[in-house]
Protein backbone atom coordinates (compact mmCIF):
# COMPACT_ATOMS: atom_id res chain seq x y z
CA MET A 1 0.00 0.00 0.00
CA ASP A 2 1.29 3.45 -0.88
CA TYR A 3 2.46 5.75 1.89
CA HIS A 4 -0.22 8.26 0.91
CA SER A 5 -2.87 5.95 2.35
CA ILE A 6 -1.44 6.73 5.79
CA ALA A 7 -2.27 10.39 5.21
CA ALA A 8 -5.64 9.76 3.59
CA ASP A 9 -7.13 12.79 5.34
CA LYS A 10 -4.82 15.11 3.40
CA MET A 11 -4.75 16.66 -0.03
CA HIS A 12 -1.71 15.98 -2.17
CA GLU A 13 -0.03 18.36 -4.57
CA GLU A 14 1.16 16.96 -7.85
CA CYS A 15 4.86 17.78 -7.87
CA GLY A 16 7.77 20.16 -7.59
CA VAL A 17 10.06 21.53 -10.31
CA PHE A 18 13.57 22.94 -10.31
CA GLY A 19 15.82 24.38 -13.02
CA ILE A 20 19.24 26.00 -13.32
CA PHE A 21 21.11 27.88 -16.06
CA CYS A 22 24.88 28.40 -15.90
CA GLU A 23 26.96 30.22 -18.49
CA GLN A 24 29.66 27.56 -18.33
CA LYS A 25 29.63 23.79 -17.96
CA ARG A 26 29.53 22.74 -14.31
CA GLU A 27 30.60 19.38 -12.97
CA ASP A 28 28.25 19.76 -10.01
CA ILE A 29 25.12 20.93 -11.84
CA ALA A 30 23.24 17.67 -11.23
CA GLY A 31 24.22 17.89 -7.55
CA LEU A 32 22.69 21.36 -7.33
CA VAL A 33 19.45 20.05 -8.85
CA TYR A 34 19.57 17.10 -6.44
CA TYR A 35 19.65 19.43 -3.43
CA GLY A 36 16.93 21.60 -4.92
CA LEU A 37 14.70 18.57 -5.39
CA TYR A 38 15.55 17.34 -1.91
CA ALA A 39 14.15 20.61 -0.56
CA LEU A 40 10.99 20.04 -2.62
CA GLN A 41 10.56 16.38 -1.62
CA HIS A 42 7.41 17.24 0.37
CA ARG A 43 5.67 18.04 -2.93
CA GLY A 44 6.04 14.53 -4.32
CA GLN A 45 7.44 11.19 -3.17
CA GLU A 46 6.57 8.82 -6.00
CA SER A 47 9.31 9.59 -8.50
CA ALA A 48 12.23 11.89 -9.16
CA GLY A 49 14.17 12.88 -12.26
CA ILE A 50 16.95 15.14 -13.52
CA SER A 51 17.78 16.21 -17.08
CA VAL A 52 21.15 17.85 -17.82
CA SER A 53 22.00 19.56 -21.11
CA HIS A 54 25.39 20.26 -22.66
CA GLU A 55 25.84 21.49 -26.22
CA LYS A 56 22.17 20.78 -26.99
CA LYS A 57 22.45 17.12 -25.93
CA ILE A 58 20.36 16.12 -22.94
CA ARG A 59 20.84 13.22 -20.57
CA THR A 60 17.95 12.23 -18.30
CA LYS A 61 17.92 10.00 -15.24
CA LYS A 62 14.61 9.25 -13.50
CA ALA A 63 12.90 6.49 -11.55
CA ASN A 64 10.24 5.81 -8.96
CA GLY A 65 11.41 6.59 -5.45
CA LEU A 66 12.62 9.42 -3.27
CA VAL A 67 15.36 11.74 -4.52
CA SER A 68 17.92 10.01 -2.28
CA GLU A 69 16.85 6.60 -3.64
CA VAL A 70 16.92 7.49 -7.32
CA PHE A 71 20.34 9.16 -7.62
CA SER A 72 23.73 7.83 -6.60
CA ALA A 73 26.88 9.91 -6.26
CA GLU A 74 28.07 8.30 -9.49
CA ASP A 75 24.89 9.36 -11.30
CA LEU A 76 25.32 12.96 -10.25
CA ALA A 77 29.02 13.07 -11.10
CA SER A 78 28.38 11.73 -14.60
CA MET A 79 25.72 14.32 -15.48
CA GLN A 80 27.61 17.50 -16.37
CA GLY A 81 26.48 20.49 -18.38
CA ASN A 82 25.32 24.08 -18.18
CA VAL A 83 21.52 23.74 -18.08
CA ALA A 84 19.47 21.31 -16.01
CA ILE A 85 15.95 20.72 -14.72
CA GLY A 86 14.51 18.36 -12.13
CA HIS A 87 11.18 17.03 -10.93
CA VAL A 88 9.60 15.28 -7.96
CA ARG A 89 6.19 13.76 -8.49
CA TYR A 90 3.01 12.84 -6.73
CA SER A 91 0.66 11.54 -9.41
CA THR A 92 -2.76 13.11 -9.81
CA ALA A 93 -2.92 12.63 -13.58
CA GLY A 94 -1.34 9.68 -15.31
CA GLY A 95 -0.82 7.27 -12.44
CA SER A 96 2.40 6.22 -10.73
CA ASP A 97 3.91 4.11 -13.55
CA VAL A 98 7.61 4.90 -13.98
CA LEU A 99 6.89 5.86 -17.60
CA ASN A 100 5.09 8.91 -16.21
CA ALA A 101 8.12 10.02 -14.21
CA GLN A 102 9.55 13.37 -15.32
CA PRO A 103 11.29 15.25 -16.88
CA LEU A 104 10.07 14.06 -20.28
CA GLN A 105 12.60 14.25 -23.10
CA ALA A 106 12.32 14.37 -26.90
CA ALA A 107 14.36 15.29 -29.97
CA THR A 108 13.59 18.29 -32.21
CA ARG A 109 15.26 19.95 -35.19
CA LYS A 110 16.65 22.54 -32.77
CA GLY A 111 18.14 19.89 -30.53
CA ASP A 112 16.95 17.86 -27.56
CA ILE A 113 14.21 19.17 -25.31
CA ALA A 114 13.24 18.21 -21.76
CA MET A 115 10.22 19.39 -19.78
CA ALA A 116 8.93 19.12 -16.21
CA HIS A 117 5.45 20.17 -15.13
CA ASN A 118 3.72 20.98 -11.85
CA GLY A 119 -0.03 21.21 -12.17
CA ASN A 120 -2.97 19.68 -13.98
CA LEU A 121 -4.59 20.37 -17.35
CA ILE A 122 -8.35 20.31 -17.74
CA ASN A 123 -8.36 19.78 -21.52
CA PRO A 124 -5.66 17.13 -22.17
CA SER A 125 -7.94 14.51 -23.73
CA ILE A 126 -9.14 16.61 -26.64
CA LEU A 127 -5.63 17.92 -27.30
CA LYS A 128 -4.20 14.41 -27.20
CA GLU A 129 -6.85 13.21 -29.66
CA LEU A 130 -6.02 16.03 -32.09
CA LEU A 131 -2.31 15.32 -31.80
CA GLU A 132 -2.84 11.60 -32.40
CA ASP A 133 -4.92 12.39 -35.49
CA ALA A 134 -1.92 14.41 -36.71
CA GLY A 135 0.40 11.42 -36.21
CA ALA A 136 1.75 11.96 -32.69
CA GLU A 137 2.45 8.90 -30.57
CA PHE A 138 2.21 8.88 -26.78
CA VAL A 139 4.11 6.63 -24.38
CA THR A 140 2.86 8.09 -21.08
CA ASN A 141 -0.45 9.10 -19.55
CA ALA A 142 0.93 12.39 -18.20
CA ASP A 143 -0.43 15.81 -19.17
CA THR A 144 3.18 16.88 -19.67
CA GLU A 145 3.54 14.77 -22.81
CA VAL A 146 0.60 16.61 -24.37
CA ILE A 147 2.33 19.94 -23.73
CA LEU A 148 5.64 18.60 -25.03
CA ASN A 149 4.09 17.28 -28.26
CA LEU A 150 2.25 20.54 -28.85
CA LEU A 151 5.47 22.50 -28.47
CA ILE A 152 7.42 20.22 -30.81
CA ARG A 153 4.68 20.45 -33.47
CA LYS A 154 4.78 24.24 -33.41
CA MET A 155 8.56 24.67 -33.42
CA ARG A 156 8.62 25.49 -37.14
CA LYS A 157 7.22 28.92 -36.19
CA GLY A 158 10.25 29.68 -34.05
CA LEU A 159 10.69 29.07 -30.33
CA LYS A 160 8.98 32.20 -29.03
CA GLN A 161 5.84 31.78 -31.13
CA ALA A 162 5.80 28.04 -30.48
CA LEU A 163 5.78 28.70 -26.73
CA ILE A 164 2.96 31.25 -27.00
CA ASP A 165 0.85 29.01 -29.26
CA THR A 166 1.38 25.99 -27.02
CA ILE A 167 0.55 27.76 -23.78
CA SER A 168 -2.48 29.41 -25.38
CA ALA A 169 -3.85 25.98 -26.31
CA ILE A 170 -3.63 24.36 -22.89
CA LYS A 171 -5.99 25.12 -20.02
CA GLY A 172 -5.50 24.41 -16.35
CA SER A 173 -2.71 24.93 -13.86
CA PHE A 174 0.94 24.73 -14.73
CA ALA A 175 4.39 25.76 -13.67
CA LEU A 176 6.79 24.50 -16.32
CA VAL A 177 10.55 24.31 -16.57
CA VAL A 178 11.96 23.49 -20.00
CA VAL A 179 15.46 22.94 -21.41
CA ILE A 180 15.92 23.55 -25.14
CA ASP A 181 18.75 24.90 -27.28
CA ASP A 182 21.00 25.53 -24.23
CA MET A 183 18.23 27.67 -22.77
CA LEU A 184 16.22 27.39 -19.54
CA ILE A 185 12.57 28.38 -19.83
CA GLY A 186 10.07 28.89 -17.01
CA ILE A 187 6.33 29.32 -17.55
CA ARG A 188 3.52 30.04 -15.09
CA ASP A 189 -0.17 29.66 -15.92
CA PRO A 190 -2.35 32.76 -16.50
CA HIS A 191 -3.85 32.58 -13.00
CA GLY A 192 -0.62 31.74 -11.18
CA ILE A 193 -2.35 28.76 -9.58
CA ARG A 194 0.91 26.84 -9.20
CA PRO A 195 3.97 28.70 -7.84
CA LEU A 196 7.30 29.37 -9.54
CA VAL A 197 10.14 31.52 -8.22
CA MET A 198 13.48 32.77 -9.57
CA GLY A 199 16.79 33.03 -7.74
CA ARG A 200 20.43 33.65 -8.54
CA LEU A 201 23.65 32.07 -7.34
CA GLN A 202 26.72 34.13 -6.47
CA ASP A 203 28.36 33.18 -9.77
CA GLY A 204 25.42 34.63 -11.69
CA SER A 205 23.70 31.33 -12.48
CA TYR A 206 19.89 31.54 -12.52
CA VAL A 207 17.62 29.14 -10.66
CA LEU A 208 13.89 28.41 -11.04
CA ALA A 209 11.95 26.45 -8.40
CA SER A 210 8.47 25.70 -7.13
CA GLU A 211 9.32 27.24 -3.74
CA SER A 212 11.88 29.62 -2.29
CA CYS A 213 13.05 26.93 0.18
CA ALA A 214 14.71 25.20 -2.79
CA LEU A 215 16.61 28.40 -3.59
CA ASP A 216 17.87 28.45 0.00
CA ALA A 217 18.98 24.83 -0.31
CA VAL A 218 21.42 25.65 -3.12
CA GLY A 219 22.52 29.05 -1.78
CA ALA A 220 20.61 31.11 -4.34
CA GLU A 221 19.34 34.57 -3.51
CA PHE A 222 15.63 35.11 -4.15
CA VAL A 223 15.09 37.44 -7.13
CA ARG A 224 11.32 37.38 -7.68
CA ASP A 225 8.25 35.28 -8.35
CA ILE A 226 7.54 34.41 -11.95
CA GLU A 227 4.32 36.29 -12.61
CA ALA A 228 1.00 34.78 -13.60
CA GLY A 229 0.90 34.56 -17.38
CA GLU A 230 4.66 34.98 -17.81
CA ILE A 231 7.34 33.13 -19.77
CA VAL A 232 10.98 33.66 -18.83
CA ALA A 233 13.74 32.51 -21.17
CA ILE A 234 17.23 32.38 -19.66
CA ASP A 235 20.39 32.00 -21.74
CA LYS A 236 23.87 33.53 -22.03
CA ASN A 237 22.26 36.88 -22.90
CA GLY A 238 20.37 37.02 -19.60
CA VAL A 239 16.66 36.84 -18.80
CA GLU A 240 13.98 37.65 -21.34
CA SER A 241 10.44 38.05 -20.01
CA LEU A 242 7.31 37.64 -22.09
CA HIS A 243 3.79 38.15 -20.77
CA TYR A 244 1.48 35.99 -22.84
CA ALA A 245 -1.65 36.63 -20.76
CA GLU A 246 -3.02 39.37 -18.53
CA SER A 247 -2.01 38.98 -14.89
CA SER A 248 -5.16 40.80 -13.69
CA HIS A 249 -6.88 37.43 -13.13
CA LYS A 250 -4.21 36.10 -10.79
CA ALA A 251 -5.62 33.52 -8.38
CA PRO A 252 -2.93 31.37 -6.71
CA CYS A 253 -3.96 28.22 -4.89
CA ALA A 254 -4.75 29.02 -1.24
CA PHE A 255 -3.80 25.48 -0.22
CA GLU A 256 -0.16 26.23 -1.03
CA HIS A 257 -0.04 28.30 2.16
CA ILE A 258 -2.39 26.09 4.16
CA TYR A 259 -0.62 22.79 3.55
CA PHE A 260 1.48 22.21 0.42
CA ALA A 261 4.36 24.65 0.81
CA ARG A 262 7.13 24.24 3.35
CA PRO A 263 6.71 26.74 6.21
CA ASP A 264 10.08 28.35 5.40
CA SER A 265 8.96 29.26 1.87
CA ILE A 266 7.89 32.69 0.65
CA ILE A 267 5.51 32.51 -2.31
CA ASP A 268 3.95 35.53 -4.03
CA GLY A 269 5.30 37.71 -1.22
CA ILE A 270 3.57 35.69 1.50
CA ASN A 271 5.58 34.14 4.31
CA THR A 272 3.98 30.71 4.65
CA TYR A 273 4.84 30.27 8.32
CA ASN A 274 3.39 33.66 9.22
CA ALA A 275 0.18 32.94 7.31
CA ARG A 276 -0.31 29.65 9.19
CA PHE A 277 0.54 31.27 12.53
CA GLU A 278 -1.99 34.04 11.88
CA ALA A 279 -4.60 31.42 10.94
CA GLY A 280 -4.19 29.98 14.45
CA HIS A 281 -4.75 33.44 15.95
CA ARG A 282 -7.94 33.97 14.01
CA LEU A 283 -9.17 30.44 14.65
CA TRP A 284 -9.09 31.04 18.40
CA GLU A 285 -10.86 34.39 18.01
CA GLN A 286 -13.78 32.67 16.27
CA ASP A 287 -15.03 30.98 19.45
CA ARG A 288 -12.44 31.64 22.23
CA LEU A 289 -12.56 28.10 23.58
CA GLN A 290 -10.92 27.46 26.94
CA ALA A 291 -8.88 24.29 27.40
CA ASP A 292 -5.78 22.95 29.18
CA ILE A 293 -3.33 22.49 26.29
CA VAL A 294 -3.02 23.09 22.54
CA ILE A 295 -1.47 20.47 20.25
CA GLY A 296 -0.44 21.12 16.65
CA VAL A 297 -0.58 18.07 14.38
CA PRO A 298 2.90 17.63 12.89
CA ASP A 299 4.10 19.12 10.67
CA SER A 300 1.88 21.66 8.94
CA GLY A 301 -0.51 22.04 11.91
CA ILE A 302 2.24 23.23 14.26
CA PRO A 303 2.47 26.90 13.11
CA ALA A 304 -1.30 27.32 13.42
CA GLY A 305 -1.23 25.52 16.77
CA THR A 306 1.41 27.89 18.14
CA GLY A 307 -0.60 30.84 16.84
CA TYR A 308 -3.72 29.49 18.56
CA SER A 309 -1.73 29.07 21.78
CA GLU A 310 -0.35 32.62 21.69
CA ALA A 311 -3.76 34.16 21.02
CA SER A 312 -5.53 32.13 23.71
CA GLY A 313 -2.82 31.97 26.36
CA ILE A 314 -3.35 28.20 26.52
CA PRO A 315 0.02 26.36 26.77
CA PHE A 316 1.28 24.73 23.59
CA ALA A 317 2.41 21.13 24.03
CA MET A 318 4.47 19.02 21.64
CA ALA A 319 2.38 16.07 22.71
CA LEU A 320 2.36 14.26 19.38
CA VAL A 321 5.63 12.68 18.32
CA LYS A 322 6.04 12.15 14.59
CA ASN A 323 7.97 9.19 13.23
CA LYS A 324 10.23 10.85 10.65
CA TYR A 325 11.48 7.57 9.24
CA ILE A 326 8.38 6.22 7.54
CA ALA A 327 9.45 5.09 4.08
CA ARG A 328 7.70 6.08 0.87
CA THR A 329 6.08 2.66 0.69
CA PHE A 330 4.42 1.27 3.80
CA ILE A 331 3.28 -2.36 3.65
CA GLN A 332 0.03 -3.11 5.48
CA PRO A 333 -0.86 -6.74 4.74
CA SER A 334 -3.87 -6.99 7.02
CA GLN A 335 -6.80 -4.90 8.17
CA GLU A 336 -5.46 -4.97 11.72
CA LEU A 337 -2.17 -3.44 10.58
CA ARG A 338 -3.96 -0.88 8.39
CA GLU A 339 -5.80 0.33 11.47
CA LYS A 340 -2.46 0.96 13.15
CA SER A 341 -1.09 3.15 10.35
CA VAL A 342 -1.73 6.45 12.14
CA GLN A 343 -0.14 5.11 15.32
CA VAL A 344 3.01 4.34 13.35
CA LYS A 345 3.13 7.90 12.02
CA LEU A 346 2.12 9.72 15.24
CA ASN A 347 2.34 8.75 18.87
CA PRO A 348 0.93 10.78 21.80
CA ILE A 349 2.85 11.52 25.00
CA ARG A 350 0.40 10.26 27.64
CA SER A 351 1.84 12.30 30.53
CA MET A 352 1.07 15.55 28.68
CA ILE A 353 -2.47 14.56 27.66
CA GLU A 354 -3.98 12.42 30.42
CA GLY A 355 -6.92 14.04 32.23
CA LYS A 356 -6.74 17.23 30.15
CA SER A 357 -9.00 19.14 27.83
CA VAL A 358 -7.05 19.23 24.57
CA VAL A 359 -7.33 21.51 21.54
CA VAL A 360 -5.97 19.77 18.45
CA VAL A 361 -5.07 22.13 15.59
CA ASP A 362 -4.59 20.65 12.13
CA ASP A 363 -4.22 22.30 8.74
CA SER A 364 -7.30 20.74 7.12
CA LEU A 365 -9.82 17.92 7.22
CA VAL A 366 -10.60 16.31 3.88
CA ARG A 367 -11.88 12.74 4.17
CA GLY A 368 -12.00 12.42 7.96
CA THR A 369 -10.37 9.00 8.27
CA THR A 370 -7.06 10.05 9.82
CA SER A 371 -8.68 12.62 12.10
CA LYS A 372 -10.99 9.98 13.49
CA LYS A 373 -8.06 7.66 14.26
CA LEU A 374 -6.08 10.51 15.80
CA ILE A 375 -8.88 11.51 18.15
CA LYS A 376 -9.39 7.89 19.19
CA MET A 377 -5.66 7.68 19.92
CA LEU A 378 -5.77 10.82 22.10
CA ARG A 379 -8.72 9.51 24.09
CA HIS A 380 -6.88 6.24 24.59
CA ALA A 381 -3.98 8.32 25.96
CA GLY A 382 -6.36 9.74 28.57
CA ALA A 383 -7.58 13.04 27.10
CA ARG A 384 -10.67 14.23 28.98
CA GLU A 385 -11.91 16.32 26.03
CA VAL A 386 -10.71 16.61 22.44
CA HIS A 387 -11.62 19.77 20.52
CA PHE A 388 -10.65 19.73 16.86
CA ARG A 389 -9.71 22.99 15.14
CA LEU A 390 -8.92 23.34 11.43
CA ALA A 391 -6.73 26.15 10.05
CA SER A 392 -8.69 26.16 6.79
CA PRO A 393 -12.35 26.28 5.74
CA ALA A 394 -14.31 23.09 5.07
CA VAL A 395 -13.29 21.37 1.82
CA THR A 396 -16.60 20.84 0.04
CA ASN A 397 -15.66 20.77 -3.65
CA PRO A 398 -13.19 18.90 -5.86
CA CYS A 399 -10.10 20.51 -7.36
CA PHE A 400 -9.46 20.52 -11.10
CA PHE A 401 -5.99 22.03 -10.98
CA GLY A 402 -3.51 19.49 -9.64
CA VAL A 403 -4.75 18.57 -6.18
CA ASP A 404 -5.57 14.93 -5.44
CA ILE A 405 -9.28 15.32 -4.75
CA ALA A 406 -11.12 14.19 -7.84
CA TYR A 407 -14.59 13.35 -6.51
CA ARG A 408 -16.98 15.30 -4.32
CA ASN A 409 -18.24 12.13 -2.63
CA GLU A 410 -14.76 11.66 -1.10
CA LEU A 411 -15.13 14.89 0.89
CA ILE A 412 -16.67 14.51 4.32
CA ALA A 413 -17.76 18.18 4.47
CA ALA A 414 -19.68 17.74 1.21
CA LYS A 415 -21.83 15.04 2.80
CA MET A 416 -22.20 16.08 6.44
CA SER A 417 -22.85 19.15 8.55
CA VAL A 418 -20.24 20.36 11.03
CA ASP A 419 -22.14 18.71 13.89
CA GLU A 420 -22.36 15.44 11.97
CA ILE A 421 -18.64 15.51 11.17
CA CYS A 422 -17.86 16.25 14.81
CA LYS A 423 -19.81 13.19 15.87
CA GLU A 424 -18.33 11.04 13.08
CA ILE A 425 -14.71 11.76 14.04
CA GLY A 426 -15.46 11.55 17.77
CA ALA A 427 -14.53 15.11 18.77
CA ASP A 428 -16.15 17.14 21.56
CA SER A 429 -16.29 20.15 19.26
CA LEU A 430 -15.21 21.05 15.73
CA LEU A 431 -14.43 24.42 14.18
CA TYR A 432 -13.16 25.45 10.75
CA LEU A 433 -11.39 28.70 9.91
CA SER A 434 -13.82 30.96 8.06
CA ILE A 435 -13.19 31.90 4.43
CA ASP A 436 -13.05 35.58 5.42
CA ASN A 437 -10.40 34.84 8.04
CA LEU A 438 -8.42 32.76 5.54
CA ALA A 439 -8.44 35.72 3.16
CA GLU A 440 -7.22 37.96 6.00
CA THR A 441 -4.30 35.63 6.76
CA LEU A 442 -3.31 35.73 3.08
CA GLY A 443 -3.84 39.48 2.78
CA SER A 444 -6.24 39.16 -0.14
CA LYS A 445 -9.30 37.39 -1.51
CA ASN A 446 -7.58 37.00 -4.88
CA PHE A 447 -6.82 33.32 -4.38
CA CYS A 448 -8.36 30.19 -5.81
CA MET A 449 -10.62 28.96 -3.01
CA GLY A 450 -12.94 26.85 -5.14
CA CYS A 451 -12.45 23.77 -2.96
CA PHE A 452 -14.03 25.74 -0.10
CA SER A 453 -16.62 27.92 -1.84
CA GLY A 454 -17.35 26.11 -5.10
CA THR A 455 -16.65 29.36 -6.94
CA TYR A 456 -13.52 29.25 -9.05
CA PRO A 457 -11.90 32.51 -10.25
CA MET A 458 -11.17 30.68 -13.48
CA SER A 459 -14.76 29.40 -13.91
CA ALA A 460 -14.83 30.72 -17.46
CA MET A 461 -11.88 28.46 -18.25
CA LEU A 462 -13.76 25.45 -16.88
CA ASN A 463 -16.75 26.19 -19.11
CA GLU A 464 -14.77 26.64 -22.32
């Protein structure tokens, strides 16, 4: 059974991307990508890949597994060049077959091309059908291959026009890194749903990454976010920026700051840790519950838990110990062992919980399965009361843009009232952060919050 079944109460982001351009060949370029991907490992644990280009020839290494499992020191030493991209994947489209691992690579008249994609298209089927009618052959089920084939087909118009025509044809969420013709290209979708940032190393090399924490990992200084609807092309002449769509409809995914991003990342000018901490403040202000201790569910619930504790004056307790050594694959051969999956991941400290009224702060509640097991575990450890607090609104609608929630009937909040959910998971009380308070923590309402409200800023795109 896949590790993700242990965290069945969570949403999962599709992947993370990383890219680097250097003016000269570097022997350690694959190592830099390795560390960048390592910093993005939280965004995908199913597969990892690196493509390195030198003199328009690209070498790609990829496989299922964690970054540390896929690449050996010998692999990294043998991949030398001046341009490279990397990818870590959690499959939402295409499945977990190794064929769907990225980057994807192909040959063109301008040289080899490699592409890595974070996001999800909403019109891949019709595009794939049109491409197949024109003679294209597909070897994966990934959206990325559709984008790659479109770009190759349009290359006769020149690279810049090919990029514009390709991006204009696809609809959905995407942050792309591409290597072609000794050039690194970064592209962000018109709504900026998926993040992409730019940094620079001391030697002048440029770096692109899904999150700023990956820039930190390789010693790159943050330069700026790639804007919604922007293409950046980086080569020996510097950075060329092209805006192919208006950025006035920018609507980044709110869940990046609630759960997906690492707390030490800054995305679109928002400090993720601060946003989660402020969510905890506002969560307490919604009902001002009194209790004995506050517990944050590791890891993403801890900032909101500490914020809740500060606002309420209730002591914060690190009363849940997380096992940091759970492998990507976790074998559960019987129902009895499946029931113990949460206990393997988290274990309560009885002496801190027994006889107390406990506030448990988590980032979100999606399906309810893990939350139910967690509350049962806390009661077994002697908690007198367990009050569940969520640092996000109720997830009532599916996501079409790269988040692993495909069906509304999987969502507990789409089927039950708050009181019914509270009873189902066995809590004494349950409270979600309001949508207005979420917007306040993010400093704006200009975010995609369709999974909470059912209203998508890009609704016109869905209807096209």
